[in-house]
Every structure is written in C-alpha cells, then in structure tokens.
Amino acid sequence: MRAGRVLVLWLALLALLARSGCAEKAWTEWYWSKFDPDAVAATTFDKADDFLISRNLWFHVQRFFAVLDASDLDKYGGGDGSATSAATSADIPFSQNIAVGKTPFTNVSAHYHNIRAGVLLGTCLWVDFPFPAFPENMGHWAEVLAPIYSALTNASWRQRAPDSEGYLRAVIFPNLRREQVQGLSWVMDMLRLTLRPGLKEGQALPRLLFFDELASLNATSWLGFERVLLVHNRYTLPSGRSGFVTKAHTDAFREAAYAAANITYGGPAWSAGLAPPVITYLMAMNHEPVVNNGEVLGALRDVGRALGLSVRPYSVTPGAAFPSFVASMANTGVLVARHGPLLANAMFLPPGAVVLELLPYNWEWRGISEIYVNLTRSVGAVHHFAWKANSSEWVMYLEAEDAKYSHWNAEECSSRYCLEAHARAGMVVDTEAIKALLLDLLPRTLKGASVAELALRYPWPKGSGRDGGGTGLWWDV
C-alpha cells in the first residue's frame, strides 16, 4: 500500500516536471526556430528614405552583429559616408542608441556551420526608444510611434521585401526591459493602434521581445533575425522630420483612437472645424510644476468669460487610462499646458482646436521643444502656439545654488548641471501675456483662420528650436 502511494507521488512529480519542461520549451520556441546554415546569407542593409531593412542580423552575448563577407567590410558603417571611414569602423551605426558590430569572415557559410544558432523568422520591427531611462515619457513614444504608423500604413516596406509575408511577426525593443513597459497602459494601447496596419487581420499584438529576454540567452548561442524593419524618426532622418508623414495617416490614427476609447468621431462640427467651447488647463500631478497655477486658471477664466468658453482644470498622471486622455482631448477646444509629456495627447484634439504651450526658461536642448508642435502640425487642422519664459524672473529655483545659472544664455546652458537645475525649477507664467495672446488669437480661430495663416501671425518664440537653437530637456519632454 505504501509502495503504491510512493509510486503515485513519483508519477505526479514526473508529470509536473514534464509540464514544466514543455512550458520552458514553449517560452524559448521563438529562439530555437529551425536553422539551416546553408540557407542563410551574410547580413545586408537595404536603406530607403523612411526606413531600413536588415536581413540576417544577429544577437550574441549582449550585442547585435552583422556577419559580413570580408570583401564587404567597407560597404557599411562609415561615420562620414566614405569608404575609408567604413573600412576602419568597427561598428555600423544602426539606430539612435544601437550600433551593430562588424564580424567579417572569409567564408560566411563556414561560420554558420560552426555556431549554435536559432533564427527568428519573418519580419521583426525594431523600436529603439530615444531615452530608455524614461520609458513612461509619452512625448518620446509619440515621436517614435507616429512615423512607424505611417510606414506600416503606406506599406512601402513590403515592396522592398517581396520575400516577406507582408506582416510583422515580432517587435523588438533593444534598449528596454519588459518591466519598464508592461505596466504602462497608455504605451501599450498606443502600440496596439500603431502596429495594427502591419499585423495579420484579427491580431492584437505580435510577439514583443525586450533586451532582458535576449540577454538571458545562452552566451554560447547566436540568435538570427531573418528580417528587421527599422523606421526612421527625427533622430535618424537627415531632415529631422517628426510626426505623421501625411494628414491622412493622422486622421486614420485619430479615428482608431476614438474608436478604441468608444468616442464618436466626426460629425457636422468636426467637418466645419468647430472645436468644443472648452478651455482645458492640463496639469501633471507629479512633475512640471507651474508655481502660479491659481493665477493661470484665473486668467483662463477671464478669457472664457470674454469669449463664452468654459474652463476646466485637468490634473492627471501618465498612468491614467488611455481612453481618459482621448476623451478629455475630444472635448477640448483650447488646450493650455506646460511643455511636458502629457502634451503628446494633443494629437487627439478635434479640428479647429488650439494648443497654447508654456515653454520654460532656458529649455534649449537639441530642438526638443518642437516635439509637440511638430506632432500637431502633422495633424493638419490643430493650431499650436507658445508663450516662452525669456528671463530668469519666470523661474523659481528649487535650490539656492541653482540660481547661479539664471543669467546663462541658451548656448552656455548646455552642461548637465545647468540643464538639471532648470529641470528641477518651478515655472512662473506671465498670466497677463497669455491672457492678451489668447484674447487676440482665439477670435481669429473661431472665425476659421487657417493653421498656416495664424502660424505666420503668431510665430514660434525666438530662442526655441525653430530659431535654430533648441528648446527642451530630454528628461522632461
């Protein structure tokens, strides 16, 4: 009897171990796809204007590699574009944060026969997040995802890859860990909308791979990517273009976002460019302090009374649900906010809406202040203006020592310490100036003045990115 119980226990344990083994195998199945060393060629890079397709890219021991024929060593990787530079460079600049190491062989096939490898088949979308220390930043996600949506919608990448299935098998985030992203509901919902044109019908999301999953692979193994699609954004495009490529792409994306949030899209007012008679003052609950919020709200209420508009303060964190952001924007005619990540949601404003962005003092870094104006300009029917703090009187430094940077100009304030001082600082808004600006420009928008016409009448503030400088800190955009 006792022997029978022992046998039952052993059988149960073996069954449990078998199930665990199957689960482990299933988890790694994407890695150990069938690999035929005779059917794989050297790594290639096919560059188009808006995207790049790499075939047979490899990951091994924490890095990405291009397996090249020795005769092609000078074909890729020159920082200045010259053959000499390419030949002497050990890496190929691939995306903003990731370089691909060169591994030249006189016999590529022999190398493939001598490695333990697996291949991820199909097309894998490459998403290099600009600043991985801040994965919750909506602004950076918007500037990455908008051009991806355009590329997947016009589908020109399929013409450059006629051997592909025509849809994405996976998405790789080479510089993010899964735990950094999986709890960000806004980001995940944006990914679903962005990737939809590149997926098989009915598929919600493809397989998502993160760096920590790649880094956990056996150090003796190589993982190959049959085809990698990289879509250029403002960081890798020579033109620095940002936002959606065409207005049609913006309209389609916004319509999909409204549907996902269960909000009615279009209608007579929409077609006529008549935005809701509501001023929304958008305030982040955990960052971007505006010291005189009460005075700003008072000024906005004065404007509202004069023009028959209601005023609504909206305090929110980036962790709020995606539908709540879309619903708030759908019911906004005038959006006022300090420069910051929440402004990425301005893309969901209805036609004829107005954005007034409050730009802090000495916010000059690589033109990042243009993230949101470029995004709304790509929308095509949303006005975007700014008031900029042009002197230190509009700054309240968090620490007394930070005040030593108060008289530095934009070119001088490019060091880490000066930038961090202004990132910590509170912003004081000139309420009389923004009230006068809104009372002057809003009647013109209500009469149907075009975006282009009013952009000329109320140009972007001097000293910002559109002047050849750069406004914004990458950790606070």
Protein backbone atom coordinates (compact mmCIF):
# COMPACT_ATOMS: atom_id res chain seq x y z
CA MET A 1 0.00 0.00 0.00
CA ARG A 2 2.80 2.35 0.99
CA ALA A 3 4.71 1.41 -2.16
CA GLY A 4 1.62 2.27 -4.17
CA ARG A 5 1.41 5.74 -2.63
CA VAL A 6 5.09 6.34 -3.33
CA LEU A 7 4.59 5.29 -6.95
CA VAL A 8 1.64 7.67 -7.31
CA LEU A 9 3.68 10.53 -5.83
CA TRP A 10 6.57 9.84 -8.20
CA LEU A 11 4.25 9.72 -11.19
CA ALA A 12 2.67 13.03 -10.14
CA LEU A 13 6.11 14.60 -9.76
CA LEU A 14 7.22 13.35 -13.15
CA ALA A 15 4.05 14.74 -14.73
CA LEU A 16 4.69 18.11 -13.11
CA LEU A 17 8.27 18.14 -14.34
CA ALA A 18 7.12 17.20 -17.81
CA ARG A 19 4.63 20.06 -17.87
CA SER A 20 7.35 22.45 -16.65
CA GLY A 21 9.68 21.25 -19.38
CA CYS A 22 7.05 21.80 -22.04
CA ALA A 23 6.36 25.30 -20.72
CA GLU A 24 10.07 26.09 -20.79
CA LYS A 25 10.34 24.80 -24.34
CA ALA A 26 7.32 26.85 -25.42
CA TRP A 27 8.82 30.00 -23.93
CA THR A 28 12.04 29.55 -25.91
CA GLU A 29 10.38 28.32 -29.07
CA TRP A 30 10.80 31.70 -30.77
CA TYR A 31 14.54 31.39 -30.18
CA TRP A 32 15.17 27.85 -31.34
CA SER A 33 13.44 28.01 -34.69
CA LYS A 34 14.89 25.70 -37.31
CA PHE A 35 18.27 26.98 -38.52
CA ASP A 36 19.73 25.82 -41.83
CA PRO A 37 23.29 27.17 -42.13
CA ASP A 38 23.29 26.53 -45.88
CA ALA A 39 20.20 28.70 -46.41
CA VAL A 40 21.42 31.83 -44.59
CA ALA A 41 23.48 34.52 -46.31
CA ALA A 42 25.58 37.36 -44.95
CA THR A 43 23.96 40.36 -43.27
CA THR A 44 22.68 43.09 -45.60
CA PHE A 45 21.22 46.56 -45.11
CA ASP A 46 18.70 47.97 -47.58
CA LYS A 47 18.19 51.71 -46.99
CA ALA A 48 15.12 53.64 -48.12
CA ASP A 49 14.17 57.24 -47.33
CA ASP A 50 11.92 56.49 -44.35
CA PHE A 51 13.05 53.04 -43.29
CA LEU A 52 15.79 50.44 -43.40
CA ILE A 53 15.52 46.66 -43.81
CA SER A 54 18.30 44.45 -42.50
CA ARG A 55 18.42 40.77 -43.38
CA ASN A 56 20.20 38.20 -41.23
CA LEU A 57 21.06 40.45 -38.30
CA TRP A 58 22.49 38.61 -35.26
CA PHE A 59 22.44 38.87 -31.47
CA HIS A 60 25.22 37.31 -29.41
CA VAL A 61 26.49 37.98 -25.86
CA GLN A 62 24.64 41.25 -25.19
CA ARG A 63 25.29 42.78 -28.63
CA PHE A 64 23.98 42.88 -32.17
CA PHE A 65 26.26 41.87 -35.04
CA ALA A 66 26.42 41.92 -38.82
CA VAL A 67 28.01 38.80 -40.27
CA LEU A 68 29.79 40.18 -43.34
CA ASP A 69 31.83 38.78 -46.15
CA ALA A 70 35.35 40.16 -45.76
CA SER A 71 35.10 41.78 -49.19
CA ASP A 72 32.13 43.86 -47.96
CA LEU A 73 33.89 45.30 -44.92
CA ASP A 74 33.99 48.80 -46.40
CA LYS A 75 30.37 48.67 -47.55
CA TYR A 76 28.73 49.75 -44.29
CA GLY A 77 29.47 51.88 -41.28
CA GLY A 78 31.38 54.97 -42.33
CA GLY A 79 30.53 57.81 -39.99
CA ASP A 80 31.25 60.34 -42.74
CA GLY A 81 29.92 58.12 -45.51
CA SER A 82 33.34 57.47 -47.06
CA ALA A 83 34.69 54.03 -47.95
CA THR A 84 37.82 54.67 -45.87
CA SER A 85 35.77 55.51 -42.80
CA ALA A 86 33.57 52.47 -43.33
CA ALA A 87 36.54 50.15 -43.70
CA THR A 88 38.16 51.31 -40.46
CA SER A 89 34.97 51.45 -38.42
CA ALA A 90 34.33 48.51 -36.09
CA ASP A 91 30.60 49.25 -35.90
CA ILE A 92 27.73 50.08 -38.21
CA PRO A 93 25.55 52.97 -36.92
CA PHE A 94 22.12 51.36 -36.96
CA SER A 95 19.63 53.27 -34.84
CA GLN A 96 19.93 56.20 -32.44
CA ASN A 97 21.22 54.20 -29.46
CA ILE A 98 22.37 50.94 -31.02
CA ALA A 99 25.43 50.21 -33.12
CA VAL A 100 25.85 46.87 -34.88
CA GLY A 101 29.28 45.26 -34.60
CA LYS A 102 31.02 44.04 -37.74
CA THR A 103 32.09 40.39 -37.85
CA PRO A 104 33.86 39.80 -41.20
CA PHE A 105 34.58 36.26 -42.45
CA THR A 106 36.36 34.95 -45.50
CA ASN A 107 33.80 32.14 -45.50
CA VAL A 108 30.44 33.14 -44.04
CA SER A 109 28.96 29.69 -44.61
CA ALA A 110 31.73 28.06 -42.57
CA HIS A 111 30.97 30.43 -39.69
CA TYR A 112 27.30 29.46 -39.77
CA HIS A 113 28.23 25.77 -39.69
CA ASN A 114 30.34 26.31 -36.58
CA ILE A 115 27.86 28.10 -34.33
CA ARG A 116 24.92 27.07 -32.22
CA ALA A 117 22.11 29.24 -33.52
CA GLY A 118 18.43 29.83 -33.81
CA VAL A 119 16.53 32.17 -36.12
CA LEU A 120 13.53 34.41 -35.55
CA LEU A 121 11.68 34.01 -38.83
CA GLY A 122 9.64 36.70 -40.56
CA THR A 123 9.79 40.47 -40.20
CA CYS A 124 10.65 41.97 -36.82
CA LEU A 125 10.01 45.68 -36.19
CA TRP A 126 12.90 47.41 -34.41
CA VAL A 127 11.90 50.10 -31.87
CA ASP A 128 14.88 51.94 -30.39
CA PHE A 129 13.40 54.14 -27.65
CA PRO A 130 15.25 57.50 -27.68
CA PHE A 131 15.81 57.82 -23.93
CA PRO A 132 15.44 54.44 -22.20
CA ALA A 133 15.84 55.89 -18.71
CA PHE A 134 12.38 57.45 -19.13
CA PRO A 135 10.14 54.81 -20.76
CA GLU A 136 6.99 56.44 -19.37
CA ASN A 137 7.59 59.59 -21.42
CA MET A 138 4.59 59.98 -23.75
CA GLY A 139 6.32 62.60 -25.87
CA HIS A 140 9.14 60.31 -26.90
CA TRP A 141 6.75 57.45 -27.58
CA ALA A 142 4.69 59.74 -29.83
CA GLU A 143 7.70 60.82 -31.88
CA VAL A 144 8.72 57.17 -32.34
CA LEU A 145 5.30 55.64 -32.98
CA ALA A 146 3.85 58.28 -35.36
CA PRO A 147 6.36 57.60 -38.18
CA ILE A 148 6.05 53.84 -37.58
CA TYR A 149 2.29 54.07 -38.08
CA SER A 150 2.82 56.00 -41.32
CA ALA A 151 5.34 53.44 -42.59
CA LEU A 152 3.09 50.49 -41.77
CA THR A 153 0.08 52.23 -43.32
CA ASN A 154 1.64 53.09 -46.68
CA ALA A 155 3.28 49.63 -46.66
CA SER A 156 6.14 50.65 -48.96
CA TRP A 157 8.46 48.43 -46.90
CA ARG A 158 6.67 45.40 -48.34
CA GLN A 159 7.78 46.39 -51.85
CA ARG A 160 11.40 46.36 -50.65
CA ALA A 161 10.84 42.93 -49.09
CA PRO A 162 8.85 40.92 -51.66
CA ASP A 163 10.05 37.74 -49.95
CA SER A 164 8.24 38.69 -46.73
CA GLU A 165 4.81 37.58 -45.57
CA GLY A 166 3.69 41.22 -45.58
CA TYR A 167 3.08 41.48 -41.86
CA LEU A 168 5.08 41.71 -38.62
CA ARG A 169 5.97 38.57 -36.70
CA ALA A 170 7.52 40.38 -33.73
CA VAL A 171 8.62 43.72 -32.28
CA ILE A 172 11.96 44.10 -30.55
CA PHE A 173 12.85 46.81 -28.04
CA PRO A 174 16.67 46.54 -27.99
CA ASN A 175 17.20 49.02 -25.15
CA LEU A 176 14.18 48.48 -22.88
CA ARG A 177 13.31 45.83 -20.32
CA ARG A 178 9.86 44.29 -20.18
CA GLU A 179 9.23 45.52 -16.64
CA GLN A 180 9.77 49.11 -17.81
CA VAL A 181 6.89 48.97 -20.27
CA GLN A 182 4.35 46.30 -19.38
CA GLY A 183 2.63 48.39 -16.68
CA LEU A 184 2.24 51.49 -18.88
CA SER A 185 -1.33 51.21 -20.16
CA TRP A 186 -1.10 54.33 -22.36
CA VAL A 187 2.01 52.98 -24.08
CA MET A 188 0.50 49.54 -24.64
CA ASP A 189 -2.70 51.00 -26.11
CA MET A 190 -0.66 53.26 -28.39
CA LEU A 191 1.36 50.24 -29.53
CA ARG A 192 -1.82 48.36 -30.41
CA LEU A 193 -3.06 51.25 -32.56
CA THR A 194 0.32 51.85 -34.17
CA LEU A 195 1.03 48.26 -35.13
CA ARG A 196 -2.45 47.40 -36.42
CA PRO A 197 -1.71 48.21 -40.12
CA GLY A 198 1.28 45.85 -40.01
CA LEU A 199 -0.43 42.82 -38.45
CA LYS A 200 -2.48 39.92 -39.68
CA GLU A 201 -6.20 40.63 -39.52
CA GLY A 202 -7.58 39.98 -36.06
CA GLN A 203 -4.20 40.02 -34.32
CA ALA A 204 -3.99 42.43 -31.37
CA LEU A 205 -0.22 42.40 -30.85
CA PRO A 206 2.70 40.41 -32.26
CA ARG A 207 5.34 38.87 -30.03
CA LEU A 208 7.13 41.59 -28.03
CA LEU A 209 10.80 40.99 -27.24
CA PHE A 210 12.84 43.06 -24.82
CA PHE A 211 16.55 43.31 -24.14
CA ASP A 212 16.38 41.40 -20.85
CA GLU A 213 14.93 38.39 -22.68
CA LEU A 214 17.69 38.48 -25.28
CA ALA A 215 20.35 38.99 -22.61
CA SER A 216 19.20 35.85 -20.80
CA LEU A 217 20.01 33.63 -23.79
CA ASN A 218 22.89 31.18 -23.54
CA ALA A 219 26.19 33.01 -24.07
CA THR A 220 27.39 30.32 -26.48
CA SER A 221 24.41 30.78 -28.78
CA TRP A 222 23.58 33.15 -31.61
CA LEU A 223 20.10 34.42 -32.42
CA GLY A 224 19.44 35.46 -36.00
CA PHE A 225 16.72 37.80 -37.26
CA GLU A 226 15.58 36.88 -40.73
CA ARG A 227 14.38 40.42 -41.45
CA VAL A 228 14.48 43.58 -39.31
CA LEU A 229 12.44 46.67 -40.20
CA LEU A 230 13.68 49.95 -38.73
CA VAL A 231 11.52 53.05 -39.32
CA HIS A 232 13.38 56.35 -39.17
CA ASN A 233 12.27 59.16 -36.86
CA ARG A 234 13.52 62.66 -36.25
CA TYR A 235 16.69 61.35 -34.59
CA THR A 236 17.77 59.33 -37.64
CA LEU A 237 16.19 61.27 -40.51
CA PRO A 238 18.52 63.85 -42.12
CA SER A 239 15.55 66.22 -42.36
CA GLY A 240 14.70 65.80 -38.67
CA ARG A 241 11.06 65.40 -39.67
CA SER A 242 8.71 64.47 -36.84
CA GLY A 243 5.11 63.33 -36.52
CA PHE A 244 2.94 61.51 -39.06
CA VAL A 245 4.05 61.60 -42.69
CA THR A 246 0.65 62.63 -44.09
CA LYS A 247 -2.56 64.11 -42.74
CA ALA A 248 -4.42 61.03 -43.96
CA HIS A 249 -2.31 58.90 -41.63
CA THR A 250 -3.10 61.24 -38.73
CA ASP A 251 -6.82 61.12 -39.45
CA ALA A 252 -6.81 57.32 -39.59
CA PHE A 253 -4.85 57.03 -36.36
CA ARG A 254 -7.05 59.52 -34.53
CA GLU A 255 -10.20 57.76 -35.75
CA ALA A 256 -8.83 54.44 -34.47
CA ALA A 257 -8.02 56.05 -31.12
CA TYR A 258 -11.54 57.44 -30.81
CA ALA A 259 -12.99 54.02 -31.60
CA ALA A 260 -10.74 52.39 -29.01
CA ALA A 261 -11.97 54.93 -26.44
CA ASN A 262 -15.61 54.43 -27.56
CA ILE A 263 -15.96 58.09 -28.57
CA THR A 264 -17.91 59.36 -31.58
CA TYR A 265 -15.63 60.51 -34.37
CA GLY A 266 -16.58 63.18 -36.89
CA GLY A 267 -19.90 64.93 -37.30
CA PRO A 268 -21.02 68.37 -38.59
CA ALA A 269 -18.99 70.38 -36.05
CA TRP A 270 -15.92 68.26 -36.80
CA SER A 271 -16.29 68.80 -40.55
CA ALA A 272 -16.74 72.54 -40.03
CA GLY A 273 -13.64 72.75 -37.81
CA LEU A 274 -15.69 73.94 -34.83
CA ALA A 275 -13.94 72.68 -31.71
CA PRO A 276 -15.80 72.35 -28.37
CA PRO A 277 -16.15 75.68 -26.46
CA VAL A 278 -13.96 74.42 -23.62
CA ILE A 279 -10.55 75.58 -22.35
CA THR A 280 -8.69 72.70 -20.68
CA TYR A 281 -5.77 73.55 -18.42
CA LEU A 282 -3.69 70.36 -18.39
CA MET A 283 -1.58 69.87 -15.26
CA ALA A 284 0.72 66.94 -14.43
CA MET A 285 0.27 65.80 -10.86
CA ASN A 286 3.80 64.50 -10.38
CA HIS A 287 6.08 66.84 -12.32
CA GLU A 288 6.43 70.04 -14.37
CA PRO A 289 5.48 72.49 -11.63
CA VAL A 290 3.82 75.76 -12.58
CA VAL A 291 4.21 77.85 -9.44
CA ASN A 292 1.28 80.19 -10.07
CA ASN A 293 -1.35 77.69 -11.22
CA GLY A 294 -4.09 79.63 -9.46
CA GLU A 295 -3.26 82.82 -11.36
CA VAL A 296 -3.11 80.91 -14.65
CA LEU A 297 -6.57 79.47 -14.03
CA GLY A 298 -7.84 82.94 -13.15
CA ALA A 299 -6.50 84.34 -16.42
CA LEU A 300 -8.07 81.50 -18.39
CA ARG A 301 -11.43 82.10 -16.71
CA ASP A 302 -11.20 85.78 -17.71
CA VAL A 303 -10.66 84.66 -21.31
CA GLY A 304 -13.52 82.20 -21.03
CA ARG A 305 -15.95 84.83 -19.76
CA ALA A 306 -14.97 87.22 -22.53
CA LEU A 307 -15.40 84.63 -25.31
CA GLY A 308 -18.14 82.41 -23.93
CA LEU A 309 -15.88 79.43 -23.20
CA SER A 310 -15.95 77.21 -20.13
CA VAL A 311 -12.69 76.45 -18.29
CA ARG A 312 -11.76 73.03 -16.95
CA PRO A 313 -8.61 72.20 -14.94
CA TYR A 314 -7.44 68.66 -15.65
CA SER A 315 -4.83 67.15 -13.30
CA VAL A 316 -3.58 63.74 -14.34
CA THR A 317 -0.63 61.36 -14.18
CA PRO A 318 0.88 59.41 -17.10
CA GLY A 319 -0.56 56.28 -15.52
CA ALA A 320 -4.15 57.30 -16.35
CA ALA A 321 -6.07 55.08 -18.77
CA PHE A 322 -5.67 55.79 -22.48
CA PRO A 323 -9.43 56.35 -23.07
CA SER A 324 -9.49 59.09 -20.43
CA PHE A 325 -6.83 61.07 -22.30
CA VAL A 326 -8.62 60.67 -25.62
CA ALA A 327 -11.99 61.64 -24.10
CA SER A 328 -10.50 64.73 -22.48
CA MET A 329 -8.92 65.88 -25.75
CA ALA A 330 -12.08 65.12 -27.75
CA ASN A 331 -13.99 67.54 -25.51
CA THR A 332 -11.37 70.32 -25.62
CA GLY A 333 -11.30 73.35 -27.89
CA VAL A 334 -8.34 75.14 -26.29
CA LEU A 335 -5.56 73.18 -24.55
CA VAL A 336 -3.16 75.07 -22.27
CA ALA A 337 -0.24 73.22 -20.68
CA ARG A 338 3.36 73.49 -19.66
CA HIS A 339 5.77 71.80 -22.07
CA GLY A 340 5.80 68.17 -20.95
CA PRO A 341 4.93 64.55 -21.80
CA LEU A 342 1.17 64.94 -21.39
CA LEU A 343 1.08 67.24 -24.43
CA ALA A 344 1.59 64.18 -26.63
CA ASN A 345 -2.17 63.72 -26.32
CA ALA A 346 -2.74 66.93 -28.30
CA MET A 347 -2.78 64.70 -31.41
CA PHE A 348 -6.30 63.64 -30.35
CA LEU A 349 -7.73 67.17 -30.39
CA PRO A 350 -10.57 67.80 -32.87
CA PRO A 351 -10.15 70.03 -35.96
CA GLY A 352 -10.03 73.74 -35.16
CA ALA A 353 -8.65 73.20 -31.65
CA VAL A 354 -5.90 75.41 -30.24
CA VAL A 355 -2.84 74.48 -28.18
CA LEU A 356 -1.03 77.09 -26.08
CA GLU A 357 2.23 75.58 -24.87
CA LEU A 358 4.07 77.19 -21.95
CA LEU A 359 7.81 76.94 -22.60
CA PRO A 360 10.08 77.28 -19.54
CA TYR A 361 13.23 79.40 -19.35
CA ASN A 362 16.46 78.00 -20.85
CA TRP A 363 14.75 74.96 -22.23
CA GLU A 364 17.33 74.69 -25.02
CA TRP A 365 18.49 71.20 -25.95
CA ARG A 366 18.61 69.69 -29.45
CA GLY A 367 15.34 71.27 -30.55
CA ILE A 368 13.18 69.02 -28.40
CA SER A 369 10.73 71.83 -27.68
CA GLU A 370 9.39 71.14 -31.17
CA ILE A 371 8.16 67.63 -30.39
CA TYR A 372 4.58 68.68 -29.77
CA VAL A 373 4.27 71.47 -32.30
CA ASN A 374 5.58 69.11 -34.98
CA LEU A 375 3.11 66.48 -33.88
CA THR A 376 0.12 68.83 -34.01
CA ARG A 377 1.27 70.38 -37.29
CA SER A 378 1.30 66.87 -38.76
CA VAL A 379 -2.33 66.60 -37.60
CA GLY A 380 -3.01 69.41 -40.04
CA ALA A 381 -6.03 71.15 -38.52
CA VAL A 382 -4.87 72.00 -34.99
CA HIS A 383 -3.40 75.41 -34.15
CA HIS A 384 -0.31 75.40 -31.92
CA PHE A 385 1.23 78.47 -30.29
CA ALA A 386 3.59 79.07 -27.40
CA TRP A 387 4.47 81.55 -24.70
CA LYS A 388 8.12 81.33 -23.65
CA ALA A 389 9.75 82.45 -20.41
CA ASN A 390 12.58 84.61 -21.72
CA SER A 391 14.25 85.61 -18.45
CA SER A 392 15.02 84.21 -15.02
CA GLU A 393 12.23 86.24 -13.44
CA TRP A 394 9.91 83.45 -14.60
CA VAL A 395 11.88 80.74 -12.76
CA MET A 396 11.69 79.61 -9.15
CA TYR A 397 14.78 77.53 -8.50
CA LEU A 398 14.40 74.53 -6.22
CA GLU A 399 17.78 75.08 -4.59
CA ALA A 400 19.53 78.38 -3.95
CA GLU A 401 22.70 77.12 -5.59
CA ASP A 402 20.84 76.59 -8.88
CA ALA A 403 20.25 80.33 -9.21
CA LYS A 404 23.85 80.79 -10.36
CA TYR A 405 22.68 79.61 -13.79
CA SER A 406 19.92 82.21 -14.02
CA HIS A 407 21.85 84.53 -16.35
CA TRP A 408 23.36 81.89 -18.60
CA ASN A 409 22.15 82.01 -22.18
CA ALA A 410 20.89 79.02 -24.13
CA GLU A 411 24.29 78.21 -25.66
CA GLU A 412 26.02 78.36 -22.28
CA CYS A 413 23.36 76.27 -20.55
CA SER A 414 24.24 73.02 -22.28
CA SER A 415 26.06 71.30 -19.43
CA ARG A 416 24.41 68.61 -17.35
CA TYR A 417 24.39 70.78 -14.22
CA CYS A 418 22.72 73.79 -15.81
CA LEU A 419 20.15 71.64 -17.56
CA GLU A 420 19.32 69.71 -14.39
CA ALA A 421 18.94 72.96 -12.46
CA HIS A 422 16.27 74.13 -14.89
CA ALA A 423 14.63 70.70 -14.96
CA ARG A 424 14.12 70.95 -11.20
CA ALA A 425 12.96 74.55 -11.26
CA GLY A 426 9.39 75.71 -10.95
CA MET A 427 7.92 77.84 -13.74
CA VAL A 428 6.17 81.17 -13.26
CA VAL A 429 3.78 82.10 -16.07
CA ASP A 430 3.16 85.69 -17.20
CA THR A 431 -0.62 85.50 -16.92
CA GLU A 432 -1.22 88.93 -18.44
CA ALA A 433 0.78 87.93 -21.51
CA ILE A 434 -1.07 84.66 -22.09
CA LYS A 435 -4.43 86.33 -21.50
CA ALA A 436 -3.66 89.02 -24.08
CA LEU A 437 -2.40 86.40 -26.54
CA LEU A 438 -5.50 84.22 -26.21
CA LEU A 439 -7.91 87.16 -26.44
CA ASP A 440 -6.21 88.21 -29.66
CA LEU A 441 -5.86 84.86 -31.42
CA LEU A 442 -8.92 82.87 -30.32
CA PRO A 443 -11.46 85.10 -32.12
CA ARG A 444 -9.46 84.50 -35.31
CA THR A 445 -9.54 80.73 -34.87
CA LEU A 446 -13.28 80.89 -34.17
CA LYS A 447 -13.72 82.71 -37.48
CA GLY A 448 -11.97 79.88 -39.31
CA ALA A 449 -8.48 81.28 -39.90
CA SER A 450 -6.16 78.59 -41.24
CA VAL A 451 -3.34 76.96 -39.30
CA ALA A 452 -0.76 78.26 -41.78
CA GLU A 453 -2.13 81.82 -41.65
CA LEU A 454 -2.06 82.05 -37.86
CA ALA A 455 1.32 80.32 -37.60
CA LEU A 456 2.76 83.26 -39.53
CA ARG A 457 0.89 85.83 -37.46
CA TYR A 458 1.94 84.27 -34.14
CA PRO A 459 5.36 82.73 -34.85
CA TRP A 460 7.09 80.28 -32.54
CA PRO A 461 9.01 82.17 -29.80
CA LYS A 462 12.54 83.28 -30.55
CA GLY A 463 15.25 81.17 -28.98
CA SER A 464 13.33 77.93 -29.45
CA GLY A 465 14.18 75.08 -31.79
CA ARG A 466 12.52 76.79 -34.76
CA ASP A 467 15.06 79.57 -34.45
CA GLY A 468 17.96 77.20 -34.90
CA GLY A 469 18.51 76.75 -31.17
CA GLY A 470 16.84 74.00 -29.21
CA THR A 471 14.19 74.09 -26.54
CA GLY A 472 13.53 71.32 -24.10
CA LEU A 473 15.24 68.82 -21.87
CA TRP A 474 15.08 65.21 -22.93
CA TRP A 475 14.03 64.03 -19.49
CA ASP A 476 11.12 66.46 -19.32
CA VAL A 477 9.55 66.39 -22.76
